[in-house]
Every structure is written in structure tokens, then in C-alpha cells.
Amino acid sequence: MDADSRARPGHNQGPPIIAREMIEQAAHGMAALDTDIGAARGRYEYAKEMVKHIKAVHTAVSEASSFAARENEALASSRYRSAIDELRDAAIAFETAKARRETYAMHVDIWRTEKATARAGII
């Protein structure tokens, strides 16, 4: 009988809150997400810089008489709109990957707490 299935005398130890399979999935998921998070972060940072670049280029080539008018043309351009759409998509991908990793980490933390509590004889 292993430590996971052994009940301490006088304590009611029910089924584990987090199953072993879930912990294995969390460990593999966290490792797999490292690359996804890195790629999503790179895409997000690149998209932020592209928004600035496109605004600057459109502002520079505009023939409007004032800076405000040139800037407004840049902000209204289809290339700028595409760039901010790409920035939004990159931010969603990055934050979603981070949230998935945090969920996996939470499962591992719950499992650790449950095991420590069982070892201490609290449950």
C-alpha cells in the first residue's frame, strides 16, 4: 500500500482532490506551454512595435498640413487597423497561454498541499 492510499488512524481520508492523472497532465502541460508562451510573448512584443512603426510611417508620408492631421490619417489607415487587430490577437494568445499554465500550476499546488496535509495527519 503506497502513501497516497494509506489512511492515518483516526482520520477520514476521502478521495484525493486532484487525481494523479491530473498532476501528470499538469506537469506535461506546463512543460509544453513554455514554448507556446515564449512564442506568444514574442508575437505580442513584435505586434506592439509594428503598431508604432506603421503609425510613424503613415504619419511621415502623409501630405496633410498639420501633424495632428497626418497622425489622424495614420490612425485611420487600414494598415494601422490590421496592426492593432494583430496586437489584440497576440495579446489574447499570450494571456491565454499564461492562464493555462497558471491553472496547471494551481493543480500542482493543490496536490502538494493535500499531500503535505496528509503527511501531517490533518486529514
N, C-alpha and C. Protein backbone atom coordinates (compact mmCIF):
# COMPACT_ATOMS: atom_id res chain seq x y z
N MET A 1 0.85 -1.17 0.00
CA MET A 1 0.00 0.00 0.00
C MET A 1 0.90 1.24 0.00
N ASP A 2 0.68 2.16 -0.95
CA ASP A 2 1.54 3.34 -1.02
C ASP A 2 1.00 4.45 -0.12
N ALA A 3 1.81 5.50 0.05
CA ALA A 3 1.46 6.60 0.95
C ALA A 3 0.21 7.34 0.48
N ASP A 4 -0.07 7.32 -0.84
CA ASP A 4 -1.24 8.03 -1.35
C ASP A 4 -2.54 7.36 -0.93
N SER A 5 -2.53 6.04 -0.77
CA SER A 5 -3.76 5.33 -0.48
C SER A 5 -3.90 4.92 0.98
N ARG A 6 -2.91 5.18 1.80
CA ARG A 6 -2.91 4.79 3.20
C ARG A 6 -3.60 5.86 4.04
N ALA A 7 -4.55 5.46 4.84
CA ALA A 7 -5.24 6.41 5.72
C ALA A 7 -4.57 6.39 7.09
N ARG A 8 -4.46 7.52 7.70
CA ARG A 8 -3.90 7.60 9.05
C ARG A 8 -5.00 7.20 10.03
N PRO A 9 -4.64 6.51 11.09
CA PRO A 9 -5.63 6.10 12.08
C PRO A 9 -6.35 7.32 12.66
N GLY A 10 -7.66 7.21 12.75
CA GLY A 10 -8.44 8.29 13.35
C GLY A 10 -8.76 9.44 12.41
N HIS A 11 -8.36 9.33 11.16
CA HIS A 11 -8.62 10.41 10.21
C HIS A 11 -9.40 9.86 9.04
N ASN A 12 -10.35 10.61 8.58
CA ASN A 12 -11.17 10.20 7.44
C ASN A 12 -10.54 10.78 6.18
N GLN A 13 -9.87 9.94 5.45
CA GLN A 13 -9.20 10.39 4.23
C GLN A 13 -10.04 9.95 3.04
N GLY A 14 -10.70 10.90 2.40
CA GLY A 14 -11.52 10.60 1.24
C GLY A 14 -10.67 10.53 0.00
N PRO A 15 -11.32 10.55 -1.13
CA PRO A 15 -10.56 10.51 -2.39
C PRO A 15 -9.74 11.78 -2.55
N PRO A 16 -8.65 11.70 -3.28
CA PRO A 16 -7.81 12.89 -3.45
C PRO A 16 -8.57 13.99 -4.20
N ILE A 17 -8.26 15.22 -3.85
CA ILE A 17 -8.88 16.36 -4.53
C ILE A 17 -8.40 16.41 -5.98
N ILE A 18 -7.12 16.20 -6.18
CA ILE A 18 -6.52 16.21 -7.50
C ILE A 18 -5.98 14.81 -7.78
N ALA A 19 -6.49 14.17 -8.81
CA ALA A 19 -6.07 12.81 -9.16
C ALA A 19 -4.65 12.83 -9.73
N ARG A 20 -3.95 11.71 -9.55
CA ARG A 20 -2.58 11.57 -10.04
C ARG A 20 -2.51 11.86 -11.55
N GLU A 21 -3.50 11.40 -12.30
CA GLU A 21 -3.50 11.63 -13.75
C GLU A 21 -3.54 13.12 -14.08
N MET A 22 -4.28 13.87 -13.25
CA MET A 22 -4.37 15.31 -13.46
C MET A 22 -3.02 15.98 -13.21
N ILE A 23 -2.29 15.49 -12.22
CA ILE A 23 -0.96 16.04 -11.92
C ILE A 23 0.00 15.73 -13.06
N GLU A 24 -0.05 14.52 -13.58
CA GLU A 24 0.80 14.17 -14.72
C GLU A 24 0.47 15.03 -15.92
N GLN A 25 -0.83 15.23 -16.16
CA GLN A 25 -1.25 16.11 -17.26
C GLN A 25 -0.76 17.54 -17.03
N ALA A 26 -0.84 18.00 -15.79
CA ALA A 26 -0.38 19.36 -15.48
C ALA A 26 1.11 19.50 -15.71
N ALA A 27 1.89 18.51 -15.29
CA ALA A 27 3.34 18.58 -15.48
C ALA A 27 3.70 18.61 -16.96
N HIS A 28 3.07 17.75 -17.73
CA HIS A 28 3.34 17.74 -19.18
C HIS A 28 2.83 19.02 -19.84
N GLY A 29 1.67 19.48 -19.40
CA GLY A 29 1.10 20.71 -19.96
C GLY A 29 1.96 21.93 -19.70
N MET A 30 2.49 22.01 -18.47
CA MET A 30 3.34 23.16 -18.13
C MET A 30 4.60 23.17 -18.99
N ALA A 31 5.18 22.01 -19.17
CA ALA A 31 6.39 21.92 -20.00
C ALA A 31 6.09 22.28 -21.44
N ALA A 32 4.98 21.79 -21.96
CA ALA A 32 4.62 22.07 -23.35
C ALA A 32 4.29 23.54 -23.57
N LEU A 33 3.75 24.19 -22.56
CA LEU A 33 3.36 25.59 -22.70
C LEU A 33 4.54 26.55 -22.69
N ASP A 34 5.69 26.13 -22.20
CA ASP A 34 6.84 27.03 -22.18
C ASP A 34 7.13 27.61 -23.56
N THR A 35 7.14 26.76 -24.56
CA THR A 35 7.40 27.22 -25.93
C THR A 35 6.26 28.09 -26.43
N ASP A 36 5.02 27.68 -26.14
CA ASP A 36 3.86 28.46 -26.57
C ASP A 36 3.87 29.86 -25.97
N ILE A 37 4.19 29.93 -24.68
CA ILE A 37 4.22 31.23 -24.01
C ILE A 37 5.32 32.10 -24.58
N GLY A 38 6.48 31.51 -24.81
CA GLY A 38 7.58 32.27 -25.40
C GLY A 38 7.24 32.80 -26.79
N ALA A 39 6.65 31.96 -27.61
CA ALA A 39 6.27 32.38 -28.96
C ALA A 39 5.18 33.44 -28.91
N ALA A 40 4.20 33.26 -28.02
CA ALA A 40 3.12 34.23 -27.91
C ALA A 40 3.64 35.57 -27.41
N ARG A 41 4.58 35.54 -26.47
CA ARG A 41 5.17 36.79 -25.97
C ARG A 41 5.94 37.50 -27.07
N GLY A 42 6.70 36.73 -27.84
CA GLY A 42 7.45 37.33 -28.95
C GLY A 42 6.53 37.96 -29.97
N ARG A 43 5.45 37.25 -30.30
CA ARG A 43 4.47 37.78 -31.27
C ARG A 43 3.83 39.05 -30.74
N TYR A 44 3.51 39.06 -29.45
CA TYR A 44 2.89 40.23 -28.83
C TYR A 44 3.83 41.44 -28.86
N GLU A 45 5.08 41.23 -28.45
CA GLU A 45 6.05 42.34 -28.44
C GLU A 45 6.30 42.87 -29.86
N TYR A 46 6.39 41.96 -30.81
CA TYR A 46 6.59 42.35 -32.21
C TYR A 46 5.39 43.17 -32.70
N ALA A 47 4.18 42.71 -32.37
CA ALA A 47 2.98 43.42 -32.81
C ALA A 47 2.91 44.82 -32.21
N LYS A 48 3.33 44.98 -30.94
CA LYS A 48 3.35 46.31 -30.33
C LYS A 48 4.26 47.26 -31.10
N GLU A 49 5.43 46.75 -31.47
CA GLU A 49 6.38 47.59 -32.21
C GLU A 49 5.87 47.89 -33.62
N MET A 50 5.19 46.94 -34.24
CA MET A 50 4.66 47.17 -35.59
C MET A 50 3.57 48.24 -35.59
N VAL A 51 2.76 48.29 -34.55
CA VAL A 51 1.74 49.34 -34.45
C VAL A 51 2.42 50.71 -34.47
N LYS A 52 3.47 50.86 -33.67
CA LYS A 52 4.21 52.13 -33.64
C LYS A 52 4.85 52.43 -34.99
N HIS A 53 5.45 51.40 -35.59
CA HIS A 53 6.12 51.57 -36.87
C HIS A 53 5.14 52.02 -37.96
N ILE A 54 4.03 51.36 -38.05
CA ILE A 54 3.04 51.70 -39.09
C ILE A 54 2.50 53.10 -38.87
N LYS A 55 2.25 53.47 -37.63
CA LYS A 55 1.78 54.83 -37.35
C LYS A 55 2.84 55.85 -37.77
N ALA A 56 4.10 55.58 -37.44
CA ALA A 56 5.18 56.51 -37.79
C ALA A 56 5.35 56.63 -39.29
N VAL A 57 5.31 55.52 -40.00
CA VAL A 57 5.48 55.56 -41.47
C VAL A 57 4.34 56.33 -42.11
N HIS A 58 3.10 56.02 -41.72
CA HIS A 58 1.95 56.72 -42.31
C HIS A 58 1.98 58.21 -41.98
N THR A 59 2.39 58.54 -40.78
CA THR A 59 2.48 59.96 -40.40
C THR A 59 3.56 60.66 -41.23
N ALA A 60 4.67 60.00 -41.45
CA ALA A 60 5.78 60.61 -42.19
C ALA A 60 5.46 60.83 -43.66
N VAL A 61 4.72 59.92 -44.28
CA VAL A 61 4.48 60.04 -45.72
C VAL A 61 3.22 60.83 -46.06
N SER A 62 2.44 61.16 -45.05
CA SER A 62 1.22 61.91 -45.29
C SER A 62 1.55 63.32 -45.81
N GLU A 63 0.68 63.83 -46.65
CA GLU A 63 0.87 65.19 -47.17
C GLU A 63 -0.03 66.19 -46.47
N ALA A 64 -0.67 65.78 -45.39
CA ALA A 64 -1.53 66.71 -44.64
C ALA A 64 -0.68 67.84 -44.08
N SER A 65 -1.31 68.97 -43.85
CA SER A 65 -0.56 70.15 -43.46
C SER A 65 -0.14 70.17 -41.99
N SER A 66 -0.91 69.58 -41.12
CA SER A 66 -0.54 69.61 -39.70
C SER A 66 -0.17 68.21 -39.20
N PHE A 67 0.58 68.18 -38.11
CA PHE A 67 0.96 66.90 -37.53
C PHE A 67 -0.29 66.14 -37.08
N ALA A 68 -1.24 66.83 -36.48
CA ALA A 68 -2.47 66.18 -36.00
C ALA A 68 -3.22 65.53 -37.15
N ALA A 69 -3.29 66.20 -38.28
CA ALA A 69 -3.98 65.64 -39.45
C ALA A 69 -3.23 64.43 -40.00
N ARG A 70 -1.89 64.52 -40.04
CA ARG A 70 -1.09 63.38 -40.51
C ARG A 70 -1.27 62.18 -39.57
N GLU A 71 -1.27 62.46 -38.27
CA GLU A 71 -1.45 61.39 -37.30
C GLU A 71 -2.84 60.76 -37.43
N ASN A 72 -3.86 61.59 -37.62
CA ASN A 72 -5.22 61.07 -37.79
C ASN A 72 -5.33 60.18 -39.03
N GLU A 73 -4.67 60.57 -40.11
CA GLU A 73 -4.65 59.73 -41.32
C GLU A 73 -4.01 58.37 -41.02
N ALA A 74 -2.93 58.41 -40.28
CA ALA A 74 -2.24 57.17 -39.93
C ALA A 74 -3.16 56.27 -39.09
N LEU A 75 -3.80 56.86 -38.08
CA LEU A 75 -4.67 56.09 -37.21
C LEU A 75 -5.90 55.54 -37.94
N ALA A 76 -6.31 56.20 -39.00
CA ALA A 76 -7.49 55.77 -39.76
C ALA A 76 -7.14 54.79 -40.89
N SER A 77 -5.87 54.53 -41.10
CA SER A 77 -5.47 53.68 -42.22
C SER A 77 -5.81 52.21 -41.98
N SER A 78 -6.00 51.50 -43.06
CA SER A 78 -6.32 50.06 -42.97
C SER A 78 -5.10 49.28 -42.45
N ARG A 79 -3.90 49.71 -42.77
CA ARG A 79 -2.70 49.02 -42.26
C ARG A 79 -2.59 49.17 -40.75
N TYR A 80 -2.93 50.35 -40.23
CA TYR A 80 -2.90 50.55 -38.78
C TYR A 80 -3.96 49.67 -38.11
N ARG A 81 -5.15 49.63 -38.72
CA ARG A 81 -6.23 48.80 -38.16
C ARG A 81 -5.81 47.32 -38.15
N SER A 82 -5.18 46.87 -39.21
CA SER A 82 -4.70 45.48 -39.26
C SER A 82 -3.65 45.23 -38.17
N ALA A 83 -2.81 46.21 -37.95
CA ALA A 83 -1.76 46.07 -36.93
C ALA A 83 -2.35 45.99 -35.53
N ILE A 84 -3.36 46.81 -35.24
CA ILE A 84 -3.93 46.74 -33.89
C ILE A 84 -4.78 45.47 -33.72
N ASP A 85 -5.37 44.97 -34.81
CA ASP A 85 -6.06 43.68 -34.74
C ASP A 85 -5.06 42.56 -34.44
N GLU A 86 -3.90 42.60 -35.07
CA GLU A 86 -2.85 41.60 -34.82
C GLU A 86 -2.35 41.72 -33.38
N LEU A 87 -2.22 42.94 -32.88
CA LEU A 87 -1.81 43.15 -31.49
C LEU A 87 -2.84 42.56 -30.53
N ARG A 88 -4.11 42.77 -30.80
CA ARG A 88 -5.16 42.19 -29.97
C ARG A 88 -5.08 40.66 -29.96
N ASP A 89 -4.95 40.07 -31.15
CA ASP A 89 -4.86 38.61 -31.26
C ASP A 89 -3.63 38.06 -30.54
N ALA A 90 -2.53 38.76 -30.66
CA ALA A 90 -1.30 38.33 -29.98
C ALA A 90 -1.45 38.42 -28.47
N ALA A 91 -2.10 39.48 -27.99
CA ALA A 91 -2.31 39.63 -26.55
C ALA A 91 -3.22 38.53 -26.03
N ILE A 92 -4.26 38.19 -26.77
CA ILE A 92 -5.16 37.11 -26.36
C ILE A 92 -4.41 35.78 -26.29
N ALA A 93 -3.61 35.48 -27.31
CA ALA A 93 -2.86 34.23 -27.32
C ALA A 93 -1.88 34.16 -26.15
N PHE A 94 -1.19 35.26 -25.88
CA PHE A 94 -0.23 35.30 -24.80
C PHE A 94 -0.91 35.13 -23.44
N GLU A 95 -1.96 35.89 -23.20
CA GLU A 95 -2.65 35.82 -21.91
C GLU A 95 -3.34 34.47 -21.71
N THR A 96 -3.86 33.88 -22.78
CA THR A 96 -4.49 32.56 -22.69
C THR A 96 -3.47 31.50 -22.32
N ALA A 97 -2.31 31.53 -22.95
CA ALA A 97 -1.26 30.56 -22.64
C ALA A 97 -0.79 30.71 -21.19
N LYS A 98 -0.63 31.96 -20.74
CA LYS A 98 -0.23 32.19 -19.35
C LYS A 98 -1.29 31.68 -18.39
N ALA A 99 -2.55 31.89 -18.70
CA ALA A 99 -3.63 31.45 -17.82
C ALA A 99 -3.69 29.92 -17.75
N ARG A 100 -3.47 29.27 -18.88
CA ARG A 100 -3.46 27.80 -18.87
C ARG A 100 -2.32 27.29 -17.99
N ARG A 101 -1.16 27.92 -18.09
CA ARG A 101 -0.03 27.50 -17.26
C ARG A 101 -0.33 27.74 -15.78
N GLU A 102 -0.96 28.85 -15.46
CA GLU A 102 -1.31 29.15 -14.07
C GLU A 102 -2.32 28.13 -13.54
N THR A 103 -3.24 27.67 -14.38
CA THR A 103 -4.20 26.65 -13.98
C THR A 103 -3.49 25.35 -13.67
N TYR A 104 -2.56 24.96 -14.53
CA TYR A 104 -1.77 23.75 -14.26
C TYR A 104 -1.00 23.90 -12.95
N ALA A 105 -0.40 25.05 -12.74
CA ALA A 105 0.37 25.29 -11.51
C ALA A 105 -0.54 25.22 -10.28
N MET A 106 -1.76 25.73 -10.41
CA MET A 106 -2.70 25.67 -9.30
C MET A 106 -3.03 24.21 -8.95
N HIS A 107 -3.21 23.37 -9.97
CA HIS A 107 -3.48 21.95 -9.71
C HIS A 107 -2.32 21.32 -8.95
N VAL A 108 -1.11 21.63 -9.35
CA VAL A 108 0.06 21.08 -8.66
C VAL A 108 0.12 21.59 -7.22
N ASP A 109 -0.17 22.86 -7.00
CA ASP A 109 -0.16 23.41 -5.64
C ASP A 109 -1.21 22.76 -4.76
N ILE A 110 -2.39 22.53 -5.30
CA ILE A 110 -3.45 21.85 -4.52
C ILE A 110 -2.98 20.45 -4.16
N TRP A 111 -2.40 19.76 -5.11
CA TRP A 111 -1.92 18.40 -4.87
C TRP A 111 -0.84 18.39 -3.79
N ARG A 112 0.10 19.33 -3.89
CA ARG A 112 1.17 19.41 -2.89
C ARG A 112 0.60 19.66 -1.49
N THR A 113 -0.35 20.59 -1.41
CA THR A 113 -0.96 20.91 -0.13
C THR A 113 -1.69 19.70 0.44
N GLU A 114 -2.41 19.01 -0.42
CA GLU A 114 -3.12 17.82 0.02
C GLU A 114 -2.15 16.76 0.55
N LYS A 115 -1.05 16.55 -0.15
CA LYS A 115 -0.07 15.55 0.28
C LYS A 115 0.60 15.96 1.59
N ALA A 116 0.94 17.24 1.73
CA ALA A 116 1.56 17.72 2.96
C ALA A 116 0.59 17.60 4.13
N THR A 117 -0.66 17.91 3.90
CA THR A 117 -1.67 17.81 4.93
C THR A 117 -1.85 16.36 5.36
N ALA A 118 -1.86 15.45 4.40
CA ALA A 118 -1.98 14.02 4.70
C ALA A 118 -0.78 13.53 5.51
N ARG A 119 0.42 13.97 5.13
CA ARG A 119 1.62 13.56 5.87
C ARG A 119 1.60 14.07 7.31
N ALA A 120 1.02 15.24 7.49
CA ALA A 120 0.96 15.82 8.83
C ALA A 120 -0.17 15.21 9.66
N GLY A 121 -1.00 14.40 9.03
CA GLY A 121 -2.09 13.75 9.74
C GLY A 121 -3.29 14.62 9.98
N ILE A 122 -3.41 15.69 9.24
CA ILE A 122 -4.53 16.60 9.43
C ILE A 122 -5.80 16.07 8.78
N ILE A 123 -5.64 15.35 7.66
CA ILE A 123 -6.82 14.75 7.04
C ILE A 123 -6.75 13.25 7.09
